[in-house]
Amino acid sequence: MDDLSSRLDNFGPAIQELMKLGGTPGLSLSVATKNQPVYHANYGFRDLQNELPVTEQTIFPVCSLAKGVSAAAMGILVDEGIASWEMLVKDATASFHPNDTYLYNNTTLADLYSHRSGMSSCGNLVGGCEGNILIGRDDCMQVVNHQTLVPAHLGSFAYNSTAYDACDESFRSLSGMSLGDFLQQQVFVELGLRRTFIKPPPSNTDNVTKSYNALDNGTPWCIPGPKLGEDGIGCGSGGLWSSAAELIKLYTCFVQSFNHECQTGQTTTPGSPLKQVSKIMSPHATMLSNERGEVSYGLGWARVQLPNSLGHIGLNGRLMPHGMPVIGEAVADELISYHQGTLPGALASVILIPRTESVVLVMGNSLSLTDVPDWVSQMVLEEIIDVPIKDRTDFIAYAKTSIAINLGWYGRITQGLVQGRPQIIKPHKPLESYIGKYVDKSRVFSVVVTVEEGVMFWAFQGLDSERYKLTHYDGNTFTWLQPRNDLSCRGRWVLGNDNDPTFWKVEFGVDEHGTVNKVVWRHDPSLDLIVYSR
């Protein structure tokens, strides 16, 4: 490890360049390998304004890295005979009762954890500005139950954090405990993790990073941190917070348990609180079909047989028009497991390498212009598996390509709106005629339309933090598009793979008397329009 440590130190300039390009103020890199001391390298600041440095004790939000931990909690129940992976969700919790009869009668726990259920998602509705979650815990399952079946997604991988709310509720019903309480007692305490949480840390917790969104010029803009896990919402989908010093212990336990279970055929490992890890990390859904080898998803974990591409869960895979780089072409085949976390104000990546019993963990405190933790983790992976220097990937070049795509987003959306606009623009009704509250079929989501000094706004859930100006487009149709910097400063998710102009169009409908009675909006291009009734 001493030699590896010095080689990892040599990545410092490249890591700092990636941070500068992407707009990441602070980053933590940790590497663990069997029988070797843990390597920690910390870059930049957890608090840019006060120039407080990142350390291995700094707590970061790691977002969707929670999914593997959520599956591990259910794995303990499975091993105890309380649950099974093929248990129908309706048998796990009575609160799961989708309007779609196929989803109700056929969806299993494994389907939800592996993103193969075919259930629609509503992430664009639930997540707001400033890390806000726009529903309360009591509404969670009502939202899940109003999701529909997307036939094209049934049985195949379609990433869906909404489904993990049903996982959390199933876990609560089966165990009699919340996911957070169970993990604290059964996993975190057992591993000595005292600064690891499945919700935002208590306000008096020290050494917690601030969160940032990167502006167009790479400047980090401080925003409120993610709120998943508050009030019990989204714990298992994205509520994990921890430090490098503690997460490296957790993920070392994962890779050791995986190896032991695979070698012995057992489902437990001496000294490990984790169970069913080999099942959790086995393939359950194909993520990507190619001629190279396996790219699959397990239960809260992705699996890749190298040589192959990675980064399919983070930002970069959505920003590379010609695909992600292939890692490991010049070395022997290598099986790895990995996951990524992405939310406004945070990015994270973890890679497990069973052969060398290694863990690569990278955490950043910004929704940057390119997924910096992803590139850094792949850079370190190439070092660990001994990719020859001449065959190494130019991650700086790939980062620049993804940044250019990201920054072109606003222009592409604007162009799409212009191209779809008729040459003769129909007038709109008097703005006052649109004023009112509009509610969707589930009675959970609403928008409130107001007019101030001749300018019209709509606000998700009627919240001031979620209010956007409406600009006339044609007839009773308006747009709510804003420049990328404006959205970033508000702490909203902004990513350049959004190329659907219809997301930014709002159409008001009228009844037979010409009275405005509804708002129609498409929050997901794969789903039907949402109708909000007045």
Protein backbone atom coordinates (compact mmCIF):
# COMPACT_ATOMS: atom_id res chain seq x y z
CA MET A 1 0.00 0.00 0.00
CA ASP A 2 2.96 2.32 0.58
CA ASP A 3 3.78 2.15 -3.11
CA LEU A 4 0.10 2.52 -4.00
CA SER A 5 -0.18 5.49 -1.63
CA SER A 6 2.59 7.35 -3.41
CA ARG A 7 1.05 6.54 -6.78
CA LEU A 8 -2.33 7.79 -5.58
CA ASP A 9 -0.68 10.97 -4.31
CA ASN A 10 0.50 11.57 -7.87
CA PHE A 11 -3.14 11.96 -8.94
CA GLY A 12 -3.39 15.15 -6.87
CA PRO A 13 -2.89 17.64 -9.75
CA ALA A 14 -5.39 15.83 -12.01
CA ILE A 15 -7.97 15.66 -9.20
CA GLN A 16 -7.56 19.36 -8.50
CA GLU A 17 -7.94 20.15 -12.20
CA LEU A 18 -11.16 18.12 -12.36
CA MET A 19 -12.47 19.94 -9.28
CA LYS A 20 -11.67 23.31 -10.85
CA LEU A 21 -13.29 22.40 -14.18
CA GLY A 22 -16.43 21.02 -12.56
CA GLY A 23 -16.88 23.53 -9.76
CA THR A 24 -16.29 21.24 -6.76
CA PRO A 25 -15.04 23.06 -3.62
CA GLY A 26 -14.29 19.95 -1.57
CA LEU A 27 -13.56 16.29 -2.25
CA SER A 28 -12.64 13.24 -0.19
CA LEU A 29 -10.84 10.20 -1.64
CA SER A 30 -10.35 6.99 0.33
CA VAL A 31 -8.92 3.63 -0.76
CA ALA A 32 -8.81 0.40 1.24
CA THR A 33 -7.07 -2.80 0.14
CA LYS A 34 -6.77 -6.14 1.95
CA ASN A 35 -4.22 -6.18 4.79
CA GLN A 36 -3.11 -2.61 4.05
CA PRO A 37 -3.65 0.68 5.89
CA VAL A 38 -6.45 2.87 4.57
CA TYR A 39 -5.44 5.69 2.25
CA HIS A 40 -7.16 9.05 2.73
CA ALA A 41 -6.63 12.17 0.61
CA ASN A 42 -8.68 15.31 1.15
CA TYR A 43 -8.92 18.22 -1.26
CA GLY A 44 -10.36 21.70 -0.92
CA PHE A 45 -12.95 22.96 1.51
CA ARG A 46 -16.06 21.68 3.23
CA ASP A 47 -16.95 25.35 3.82
CA LEU A 48 -15.65 27.57 1.03
CA GLN A 49 -16.56 30.90 2.59
CA ASN A 50 -14.76 30.16 5.86
CA GLU A 51 -12.02 28.06 4.21
CA LEU A 52 -12.64 25.06 6.46
CA PRO A 53 -10.85 22.04 4.98
CA VAL A 54 -12.20 18.60 4.15
CA THR A 55 -10.90 15.82 6.42
CA GLU A 56 -11.65 12.10 6.57
CA GLN A 57 -14.03 12.94 9.45
CA THR A 58 -16.06 15.38 7.32
CA ILE A 59 -19.64 14.19 6.89
CA PHE A 60 -20.96 14.27 3.30
CA PRO A 61 -24.39 13.45 1.89
CA VAL A 62 -23.85 10.45 -0.38
CA CYS A 63 -27.39 10.28 -1.75
CA SER A 64 -28.17 7.07 -3.65
CA LEU A 65 -25.36 5.15 -1.99
CA ALA A 66 -28.18 4.65 0.52
CA LYS A 67 -29.78 2.11 -1.82
CA GLY A 68 -27.18 -0.57 -1.13
CA VAL A 69 -27.53 0.00 2.61
CA SER A 70 -31.31 -0.19 2.33
CA ALA A 71 -31.04 -3.53 0.53
CA ALA A 72 -28.61 -4.76 3.18
CA ALA A 73 -31.16 -4.04 5.90
CA MET A 74 -33.77 -6.09 4.04
CA GLY A 75 -31.12 -8.80 3.57
CA ILE A 76 -30.97 -9.23 7.34
CA LEU A 77 -34.74 -9.76 7.46
CA VAL A 78 -34.51 -12.24 4.58
CA ASP A 79 -31.80 -14.20 6.36
CA GLU A 80 -33.93 -14.32 9.50
CA GLY A 81 -36.86 -15.73 7.52
CA ILE A 82 -39.02 -12.65 8.07
CA ALA A 83 -39.01 -11.78 4.38
CA SER A 84 -37.91 -13.18 1.04
CA TRP A 85 -36.65 -11.38 -2.03
CA GLU A 86 -39.50 -12.85 -4.10
CA MET A 87 -42.14 -11.83 -1.55
CA LEU A 88 -44.91 -9.80 -3.15
CA VAL A 89 -44.81 -6.23 -1.94
CA LYS A 90 -48.55 -6.36 -1.18
CA ASP A 91 -47.77 -9.18 1.28
CA ALA A 92 -44.96 -7.18 2.86
CA THR A 93 -47.07 -4.09 3.53
CA ALA A 94 -50.80 -3.51 3.26
CA SER A 95 -50.10 0.11 2.34
CA PHE A 96 -48.89 -1.01 -1.12
CA HIS A 97 -52.04 -0.96 -3.24
CA PRO A 98 -51.31 0.54 -6.68
CA ASN A 99 -54.23 1.46 -8.88
CA ASP A 100 -52.55 -0.66 -11.55
CA THR A 101 -53.62 -4.25 -10.93
CA TYR A 102 -50.53 -5.74 -12.58
CA LEU A 103 -48.20 -3.84 -10.25
CA TYR A 104 -50.33 -4.81 -7.26
CA ASN A 105 -50.47 -8.53 -8.05
CA ASN A 106 -46.97 -9.11 -9.41
CA THR A 107 -44.40 -6.71 -7.93
CA THR A 108 -41.84 -8.35 -5.63
CA LEU A 109 -39.33 -6.83 -3.23
CA ALA A 110 -36.52 -7.83 -5.60
CA ASP A 111 -38.30 -6.02 -8.44
CA LEU A 112 -38.25 -2.77 -6.47
CA TYR A 113 -34.68 -3.04 -5.20
CA SER A 114 -33.39 -3.88 -8.70
CA HIS A 115 -35.37 -1.18 -10.58
CA ARG A 116 -37.08 -3.74 -12.82
CA SER A 117 -40.69 -3.37 -11.59
CA GLY A 118 -41.91 -1.31 -14.55
CA MET A 119 -43.39 1.22 -12.14
CA SER A 120 -43.37 4.85 -13.21
CA SER A 121 -41.36 7.40 -11.25
CA CYS A 122 -42.11 10.91 -10.03
CA GLY A 123 -38.74 12.32 -9.05
CA ASN A 124 -39.44 15.50 -11.00
CA LEU A 125 -42.48 16.09 -8.81
CA VAL A 126 -41.08 15.20 -5.40
CA GLY A 127 -37.76 17.06 -5.52
CA GLY A 128 -37.86 20.85 -5.36
CA CYS A 129 -35.49 23.73 -4.80
CA GLU A 130 -33.18 24.06 -1.79
CA GLY A 131 -33.22 20.30 -1.23
CA ASN A 132 -36.94 20.41 -0.45
CA ILE A 133 -39.09 17.29 -0.54
CA LEU A 134 -42.50 18.40 -1.74
CA ILE A 135 -44.58 15.73 -0.02
CA GLY A 136 -45.05 14.63 3.58
CA ARG A 137 -44.47 11.14 4.92
CA ASP A 138 -48.20 10.45 5.14
CA ASP A 139 -48.46 11.05 1.39
CA CYS A 140 -45.57 8.78 0.39
CA MET A 141 -47.48 5.59 -0.27
CA GLN A 142 -50.38 7.46 -1.82
CA VAL A 143 -47.90 8.79 -4.36
CA VAL A 144 -46.48 5.29 -4.92
CA ASN A 145 -49.96 3.84 -5.37
CA HIS A 146 -50.78 6.39 -8.07
CA GLN A 147 -47.82 5.32 -10.20
CA THR A 148 -48.61 3.46 -13.41
CA LEU A 149 -47.10 0.55 -15.27
CA VAL A 150 -44.67 1.53 -18.03
CA PRO A 151 -44.72 -1.60 -20.24
CA ALA A 152 -41.41 -0.75 -21.90
CA HIS A 153 -39.71 -0.80 -18.47
CA LEU A 154 -41.26 -4.01 -17.16
CA GLY A 155 -38.59 -6.58 -16.33
CA SER A 156 -35.77 -4.34 -17.49
CA PHE A 157 -33.64 -1.80 -15.67
CA ALA A 158 -35.22 1.64 -15.30
CA TYR A 159 -33.76 3.61 -12.39
CA ASN A 160 -36.56 4.52 -10.00
CA SER A 161 -36.06 6.13 -6.61
CA THR A 162 -39.83 6.39 -6.08
CA ALA A 163 -39.97 2.59 -5.81
CA TYR A 164 -37.58 2.71 -2.85
CA ASP A 165 -40.25 4.50 -0.82
CA ALA A 166 -42.24 1.27 -1.11
CA CYS A 167 -39.11 -0.61 -0.02
CA ASP A 168 -38.86 1.57 3.09
CA GLU A 169 -42.52 1.04 3.93
CA SER A 170 -42.22 -2.71 3.38
CA PHE A 171 -39.24 -2.78 5.70
CA ARG A 172 -41.11 -0.88 8.40
CA SER A 173 -44.10 -3.23 8.20
CA LEU A 174 -41.98 -6.39 8.29
CA SER A 175 -39.54 -5.34 11.02
CA GLY A 176 -41.71 -3.10 13.16
CA MET A 177 -38.96 -0.47 13.02
CA SER A 178 -38.02 2.41 10.77
CA LEU A 179 -35.17 1.76 8.37
CA GLY A 180 -33.05 4.39 10.13
CA ASP A 181 -33.51 2.94 13.62
CA PHE A 182 -32.82 -0.58 12.39
CA LEU A 183 -29.63 0.39 10.58
CA GLN A 184 -28.36 2.31 13.59
CA GLN A 185 -28.91 -0.64 15.92
CA GLN A 186 -28.11 -3.59 13.67
CA VAL A 187 -25.39 -2.26 11.35
CA PHE A 188 -23.89 1.11 12.24
CA VAL A 189 -23.37 0.44 15.96
CA GLU A 190 -22.01 -3.04 15.22
CA LEU A 191 -19.36 -1.51 12.94
CA GLY A 192 -18.57 1.37 15.28
CA LEU A 193 -20.09 3.99 12.97
CA ARG A 194 -21.11 6.88 15.21
CA ARG A 195 -21.24 9.63 12.60
CA THR A 196 -23.34 7.82 9.98
CA PHE A 197 -26.99 8.72 9.45
CA ILE A 198 -29.85 7.79 7.14
CA LYS A 199 -31.14 11.36 7.31
CA PRO A 200 -29.49 14.80 7.58
CA PRO A 201 -27.26 14.90 10.70
CA PRO A 202 -28.47 16.75 13.82
CA SER A 203 -27.87 20.49 13.55
CA ASN A 204 -25.23 20.41 16.31
CA THR A 205 -23.07 17.85 14.49
CA ASP A 206 -19.57 19.15 13.82
CA ASN A 207 -17.51 18.87 10.62
CA VAL A 208 -20.41 18.56 8.18
CA THR A 209 -19.85 19.82 4.65
CA LYS A 210 -21.86 22.60 3.11
CA SER A 211 -23.46 21.94 -0.27
CA TYR A 212 -22.97 23.72 -3.59
CA ASN A 213 -24.29 23.86 -7.15
CA ALA A 214 -21.84 24.79 -9.90
CA LEU A 215 -22.70 27.82 -12.02
CA ASP A 216 -21.97 28.01 -15.75
CA ASN A 217 -18.46 29.38 -15.18
CA GLY A 218 -17.63 26.70 -12.60
CA THR A 219 -18.18 28.95 -9.58
CA PRO A 220 -19.65 26.98 -6.64
CA TRP A 221 -22.85 28.51 -5.26
CA CYS A 222 -23.77 27.55 -1.70
CA ILE A 223 -27.22 25.96 -1.35
CA PRO A 224 -29.09 24.10 1.42
CA GLY A 225 -28.05 20.47 1.69
CA PRO A 226 -30.19 17.48 0.63
CA LYS A 227 -33.18 16.79 2.87
CA LEU A 228 -33.95 13.18 1.91
CA GLY A 229 -34.51 11.22 5.10
CA GLU A 230 -36.21 14.05 6.94
CA ASP A 231 -39.62 13.03 8.26
CA GLY A 232 -38.83 9.48 7.11
CA ILE A 233 -39.13 10.31 3.41
CA GLY A 234 -36.56 8.90 0.98
CA CYS A 235 -34.32 7.34 3.64
CA GLY A 236 -33.50 4.25 1.62
CA SER A 237 -33.36 5.97 -1.75
CA GLY A 238 -30.99 8.80 -0.90
CA GLY A 239 -30.77 9.69 2.80
CA LEU A 240 -27.28 8.41 3.67
CA TRP A 241 -24.76 10.82 5.27
CA SER A 242 -21.34 9.78 6.58
CA SER A 243 -17.61 10.43 6.60
CA ALA A 244 -14.81 8.76 4.69
CA ALA A 245 -13.41 7.33 7.93
CA GLU A 246 -16.69 5.50 8.61
CA LEU A 247 -17.91 4.61 5.13
CA ILE A 248 -14.61 2.93 4.30
CA LYS A 249 -15.32 0.54 7.21
CA LEU A 250 -18.84 -0.12 5.96
CA TYR A 251 -17.77 -0.84 2.39
CA THR A 252 -14.83 -2.97 3.48
CA CYS A 253 -17.39 -5.04 5.38
CA PHE A 254 -19.48 -5.30 2.19
CA VAL A 255 -16.62 -6.58 0.05
CA GLN A 256 -15.33 -8.97 2.73
CA SER A 257 -18.83 -10.37 3.28
CA PHE A 258 -19.33 -10.79 -0.46
CA ASN A 259 -16.09 -12.74 -0.81
CA HIS A 260 -16.77 -14.96 2.19
CA GLU A 261 -20.31 -15.79 1.07
CA CYS A 262 -19.18 -16.57 -2.48
CA GLN A 263 -16.34 -18.80 -1.24
CA THR A 264 -18.41 -20.70 1.36
CA GLY A 265 -21.90 -20.69 -0.14
CA GLN A 266 -23.19 -19.29 3.14
CA THR A 267 -25.31 -16.18 3.62
CA THR A 268 -23.50 -14.83 6.67
CA THR A 269 -19.92 -13.87 7.52
CA PRO A 270 -18.28 -14.13 10.97
CA GLY A 271 -17.92 -10.68 12.52
CA SER A 272 -20.12 -8.99 9.91
CA PRO A 273 -23.63 -7.67 10.59
CA LEU A 274 -24.38 -7.90 6.85
CA LYS A 275 -26.17 -10.92 5.41
CA GLN A 276 -27.28 -12.06 1.95
CA VAL A 277 -24.54 -9.89 0.41
CA SER A 278 -23.79 -12.32 -2.42
CA LYS A 279 -27.49 -12.25 -3.34
CA ILE A 280 -27.61 -8.46 -3.06
CA MET A 281 -24.61 -8.13 -5.37
CA SER A 282 -25.72 -10.75 -7.88
CA PRO A 283 -27.24 -9.66 -11.22
CA HIS A 284 -31.01 -9.10 -11.18
CA ALA A 285 -31.52 -6.78 -14.16
CA THR A 286 -29.45 -6.04 -17.26
CA MET A 287 -28.42 -2.38 -17.31
CA LEU A 288 -26.63 -2.33 -20.63
CA SER A 289 -26.31 -4.88 -23.41
CA ASN A 290 -22.98 -4.88 -25.20
CA GLU A 291 -20.47 -7.31 -26.63
CA ARG A 292 -17.93 -6.73 -23.87
CA GLY A 293 -19.55 -8.37 -20.86
CA GLU A 294 -21.90 -7.97 -17.97
CA VAL A 295 -23.34 -4.59 -17.00
CA SER A 296 -26.12 -5.39 -14.57
CA TYR A 297 -27.89 -4.19 -11.46
CA GLY A 298 -28.31 -6.21 -8.30
CA LEU A 299 -30.21 -5.04 -5.25
CA GLY A 300 -28.96 -1.52 -4.61
CA TRP A 301 -25.65 -2.22 -6.41
CA ALA A 302 -24.45 -2.18 -10.01
CA ARG A 303 -22.13 -4.90 -11.37
CA VAL A 304 -19.69 -4.63 -14.24
CA GLN A 305 -17.36 -7.18 -15.80
CA LEU A 306 -14.28 -5.28 -16.96
CA PRO A 307 -13.17 -4.34 -19.55
CA ASN A 308 -16.29 -2.24 -19.80
CA SER A 309 -17.77 1.17 -19.19
CA LEU A 310 -18.88 2.51 -15.80
CA GLY A 311 -20.69 5.60 -14.56
CA HIS A 312 -24.16 4.55 -15.68
CA ILE A 313 -25.88 5.84 -12.53
CA GLY A 314 -24.20 9.24 -12.12
CA LEU A 315 -24.12 12.36 -14.27
CA ASN A 316 -21.43 11.53 -16.80
CA GLY A 317 -23.16 8.66 -18.55
CA ARG A 318 -25.96 11.07 -19.47
CA LEU A 319 -23.57 13.72 -20.77
CA MET A 320 -21.35 11.67 -23.11
CA PRO A 321 -22.78 11.63 -26.65
CA HIS A 322 -20.38 8.88 -27.76
CA GLY A 323 -20.52 6.83 -24.58
CA MET A 324 -18.34 6.43 -21.52
CA PRO A 325 -14.71 5.30 -21.74
CA VAL A 326 -13.95 1.58 -21.57
CA ILE A 327 -11.92 0.75 -18.47
CA GLY A 328 -9.52 -2.20 -18.24
CA GLU A 329 -9.04 -3.20 -21.88
CA ALA A 330 -5.33 -3.93 -21.39
CA VAL A 331 -5.69 -6.13 -18.28
CA ALA A 332 -7.37 -9.37 -17.25
CA ASP A 333 -11.13 -9.54 -16.76
CA GLU A 334 -12.23 -8.05 -13.45
CA LEU A 335 -15.60 -8.12 -11.69
CA ILE A 336 -16.51 -4.98 -9.77
CA SER A 337 -19.56 -3.62 -7.98
CA TYR A 338 -20.26 0.07 -7.72
CA HIS A 339 -22.85 2.73 -7.07
CA GLN A 340 -23.14 6.48 -7.38
CA GLY A 341 -25.06 9.22 -5.61
CA THR A 342 -26.37 12.42 -7.20
CA LEU A 343 -28.44 15.25 -5.75
CA PRO A 344 -28.26 19.03 -5.82
CA GLY A 345 -25.27 19.83 -3.64
CA ALA A 346 -23.61 16.41 -3.67
CA LEU A 347 -22.03 13.68 -5.80
CA ALA A 348 -20.48 10.40 -4.64
CA SER A 349 -19.06 7.17 -6.02
CA VAL A 350 -18.01 3.86 -4.47
CA ILE A 351 -16.34 0.94 -6.27
CA LEU A 352 -15.74 -2.52 -4.76
CA ILE A 353 -13.09 -4.82 -6.26
CA PRO A 354 -13.59 -8.31 -4.80
CA ARG A 355 -10.37 -9.88 -6.18
CA THR A 356 -8.11 -7.47 -4.29
CA GLU A 357 -10.71 -6.84 -1.56
CA SER A 358 -10.45 -3.15 -2.38
CA VAL A 359 -12.75 -0.18 -1.88
CA VAL A 360 -12.56 3.16 -3.72
CA LEU A 361 -14.71 5.88 -2.18
CA VAL A 362 -15.00 9.44 -3.52
CA MET A 363 -17.33 12.14 -2.18
CA GLY A 364 -17.82 15.69 -3.44
CA ASN A 365 -19.88 18.56 -2.06
CA SER A 366 -21.19 20.00 -5.33
CA LEU A 367 -23.57 19.18 -8.15
CA SER A 368 -20.73 20.02 -10.49
CA LEU A 369 -20.69 20.58 -14.25
CA THR A 370 -19.19 17.11 -14.65
CA ASP A 371 -19.36 14.19 -12.24
CA VAL A 372 -15.98 14.69 -10.59
CA PRO A 373 -16.22 11.79 -8.07
CA ASP A 374 -17.06 9.45 -10.96
CA TRP A 375 -13.96 10.40 -12.95
CA VAL A 376 -11.72 10.28 -9.86
CA SER A 377 -12.98 6.84 -8.81
CA GLN A 378 -12.40 5.44 -12.31
CA MET A 379 -8.93 7.01 -12.39
CA VAL A 380 -8.06 5.23 -9.14
CA LEU A 381 -9.64 1.99 -10.37
CA GLU A 382 -7.26 1.96 -13.35
CA GLU A 383 -4.36 2.27 -10.91
CA ILE A 384 -5.53 -0.56 -8.66
CA ILE A 385 -6.07 -3.02 -11.53
CA ASP A 386 -2.71 -2.02 -13.08
CA VAL A 387 -3.83 -0.61 -16.40
CA PRO A 388 -0.57 0.25 -18.25
CA ILE A 389 0.23 3.96 -18.33
CA LYS A 390 0.02 4.06 -22.13
CA ASP A 391 -3.54 2.70 -21.97
CA ARG A 392 -4.84 5.04 -19.27
CA THR A 393 -7.94 7.13 -19.90
CA ASP A 394 -7.67 10.89 -20.38
CA PHE A 395 -10.33 11.78 -17.84
CA ILE A 396 -9.68 15.51 -18.17
CA ALA A 397 -10.64 15.35 -21.85
CA TYR A 398 -13.78 13.36 -21.07
CA ALA A 399 -14.69 15.86 -18.35
CA LYS A 400 -14.41 18.76 -20.78
CA THR A 401 -16.67 16.97 -23.27
CA SER A 402 -19.36 16.36 -20.64
CA ILE A 403 -19.15 19.97 -19.41
CA ALA A 404 -19.72 21.28 -22.94
CA ILE A 405 -22.84 19.11 -23.26
CA ASN A 406 -24.08 20.22 -19.86
CA LEU A 407 -23.62 23.91 -20.61
CA GLY A 408 -25.43 23.57 -23.94
CA TRP A 409 -28.64 22.57 -22.19
CA TYR A 410 -30.37 25.95 -22.04
CA GLY A 411 -29.67 26.68 -25.70
CA ARG A 412 -31.01 23.29 -26.79
CA ILE A 413 -34.22 23.67 -24.78
CA THR A 414 -34.74 27.23 -26.03
CA GLN A 415 -34.19 26.13 -29.62
CA GLY A 416 -36.66 23.27 -29.19
CA LEU A 417 -39.30 25.65 -27.84
CA VAL A 418 -38.77 28.09 -30.71
CA GLN A 419 -38.98 25.32 -33.32
CA GLY A 420 -42.23 24.01 -31.83
CA ARG A 421 -43.89 27.41 -31.65
CA PRO A 422 -46.38 28.30 -34.40
CA GLN A 423 -45.63 31.25 -36.65
CA ILE A 424 -48.87 32.97 -35.66
CA ILE A 425 -49.10 33.24 -31.87
CA LYS A 426 -52.60 33.03 -30.44
CA PRO A 427 -53.34 35.46 -27.60
CA HIS A 428 -53.87 34.33 -24.03
CA LYS A 429 -56.85 35.06 -21.80
CA PRO A 430 -56.70 37.84 -19.21
CA LEU A 431 -54.07 36.68 -16.72
CA GLU A 432 -56.50 36.94 -13.81
CA SER A 433 -58.60 34.17 -15.37
CA TYR A 434 -55.81 31.66 -14.70
CA ILE A 435 -55.44 32.46 -10.98
CA GLY A 436 -56.22 29.59 -8.63
CA LYS A 437 -55.15 26.31 -7.06
CA TYR A 438 -55.00 23.20 -9.23
CA VAL A 439 -54.76 19.68 -7.77
CA ASP A 440 -53.80 16.37 -9.40
CA LYS A 441 -55.75 13.11 -9.29
CA SER A 442 -53.90 11.81 -6.24
CA ARG A 443 -54.85 14.96 -4.30
CA VAL A 444 -51.21 15.15 -3.17
CA PHE A 445 -49.59 17.41 -5.76
CA SER A 446 -50.86 20.90 -6.48
CA VAL A 447 -49.83 24.07 -8.26
CA VAL A 448 -50.94 27.56 -7.33
CA VAL A 449 -51.13 30.23 -10.04
CA THR A 450 -50.85 33.89 -9.07
CA VAL A 451 -50.45 37.23 -10.83
CA GLU A 452 -48.36 40.10 -9.51
CA GLU A 453 -47.99 43.41 -11.34
CA GLY A 454 -48.95 41.87 -14.65
CA VAL A 455 -46.63 38.86 -14.30
CA MET A 456 -47.97 35.32 -13.85
CA PHE A 457 -46.33 32.65 -11.67
CA TRP A 458 -46.97 29.05 -10.79
CA ALA A 459 -45.76 27.43 -7.57
CA PHE A 460 -45.48 23.71 -6.84
CA GLN A 461 -47.46 22.93 -3.67
CA GLY A 462 -48.05 26.68 -3.40
CA LEU A 463 -44.60 27.19 -1.85
CA ASP A 464 -42.70 30.44 -2.34
CA SER A 465 -39.47 28.44 -2.77
CA GLU A 466 -41.05 26.58 -5.71
CA ARG A 467 -42.48 29.59 -7.57
CA TYR A 468 -41.57 30.21 -11.21
CA LYS A 469 -42.45 32.94 -13.66
CA LEU A 470 -44.70 31.88 -16.54
CA THR A 471 -43.91 33.36 -19.96
CA HIS A 472 -46.51 33.32 -22.71
CA TYR A 473 -45.83 30.77 -25.45
CA ASP A 474 -49.01 30.37 -27.50
CA GLY A 475 -52.69 30.67 -26.63
CA ASN A 476 -53.22 29.15 -23.19
CA THR A 477 -49.71 27.66 -23.13
CA PHE A 478 -46.88 29.18 -21.10
CA THR A 479 -43.30 28.23 -20.31
CA TRP A 480 -41.48 28.27 -16.97
CA LEU A 481 -37.93 27.84 -18.27
CA GLN A 482 -35.18 29.86 -16.57
CA PRO A 483 -31.46 30.18 -17.35
CA ARG A 484 -29.33 27.43 -15.86
CA ASN A 485 -27.60 29.76 -13.40
CA ASP A 486 -30.94 30.94 -11.99
CA LEU A 487 -32.05 27.36 -11.37
CA SER A 488 -28.67 26.36 -9.93
CA CYS A 489 -28.70 29.25 -7.46
CA ARG A 490 -32.10 28.09 -6.24
CA GLY A 491 -30.69 24.66 -5.49
CA ARG A 492 -32.64 22.92 -8.22
CA TRP A 493 -31.47 19.84 -10.10
CA VAL A 494 -30.05 20.98 -13.44
CA LEU A 495 -28.51 18.52 -15.89
CA GLY A 496 -27.76 18.85 -19.57
CA ASN A 497 -29.32 15.53 -20.58
CA ASP A 498 -32.77 17.10 -20.26
CA ASN A 499 -33.55 17.71 -23.92
CA ASP A 500 -37.35 17.65 -23.68
CA PRO A 501 -38.87 21.11 -24.23
CA THR A 502 -42.34 19.85 -23.24
CA PHE A 503 -41.20 19.58 -19.61
CA TRP A 504 -41.00 23.37 -19.55
CA LYS A 505 -44.44 23.97 -21.13
CA VAL A 506 -47.65 24.47 -19.14
CA GLU A 507 -51.02 24.37 -20.87
CA PHE A 508 -54.23 25.65 -19.32
CA GLY A 509 -57.47 23.94 -20.33
CA VAL A 510 -60.98 25.38 -20.48
CA ASP A 511 -64.46 23.94 -20.07
CA GLU A 512 -67.36 24.26 -22.53
CA HIS A 513 -68.01 27.78 -21.27
CA GLY A 514 -64.44 28.89 -21.91
CA THR A 515 -63.60 29.02 -18.20
CA VAL A 516 -60.10 27.90 -17.23
CA ASN A 517 -60.52 24.66 -15.27
CA LYS A 518 -57.23 22.75 -15.43
CA VAL A 519 -53.47 22.80 -15.97
CA VAL A 520 -51.82 20.11 -18.10
CA TRP A 521 -48.10 19.32 -17.75
CA ARG A 522 -45.80 16.43 -18.70
CA HIS A 523 -43.20 15.87 -15.97
CA ASP A 524 -41.73 12.78 -17.64
CA PRO A 525 -41.50 12.22 -21.43
CA SER A 526 -42.27 8.50 -20.99
CA LEU A 527 -45.53 9.17 -19.13
CA ASP A 528 -48.94 10.62 -19.86
CA LEU A 529 -49.69 14.25 -19.16
CA ILE A 530 -50.61 15.20 -15.60
CA VAL A 531 -53.92 17.01 -15.25
CA TYR A 532 -54.27 19.42 -12.35
CA SER A 533 -57.93 20.32 -11.85
CA ARG A 534 -59.04 23.66 -10.49
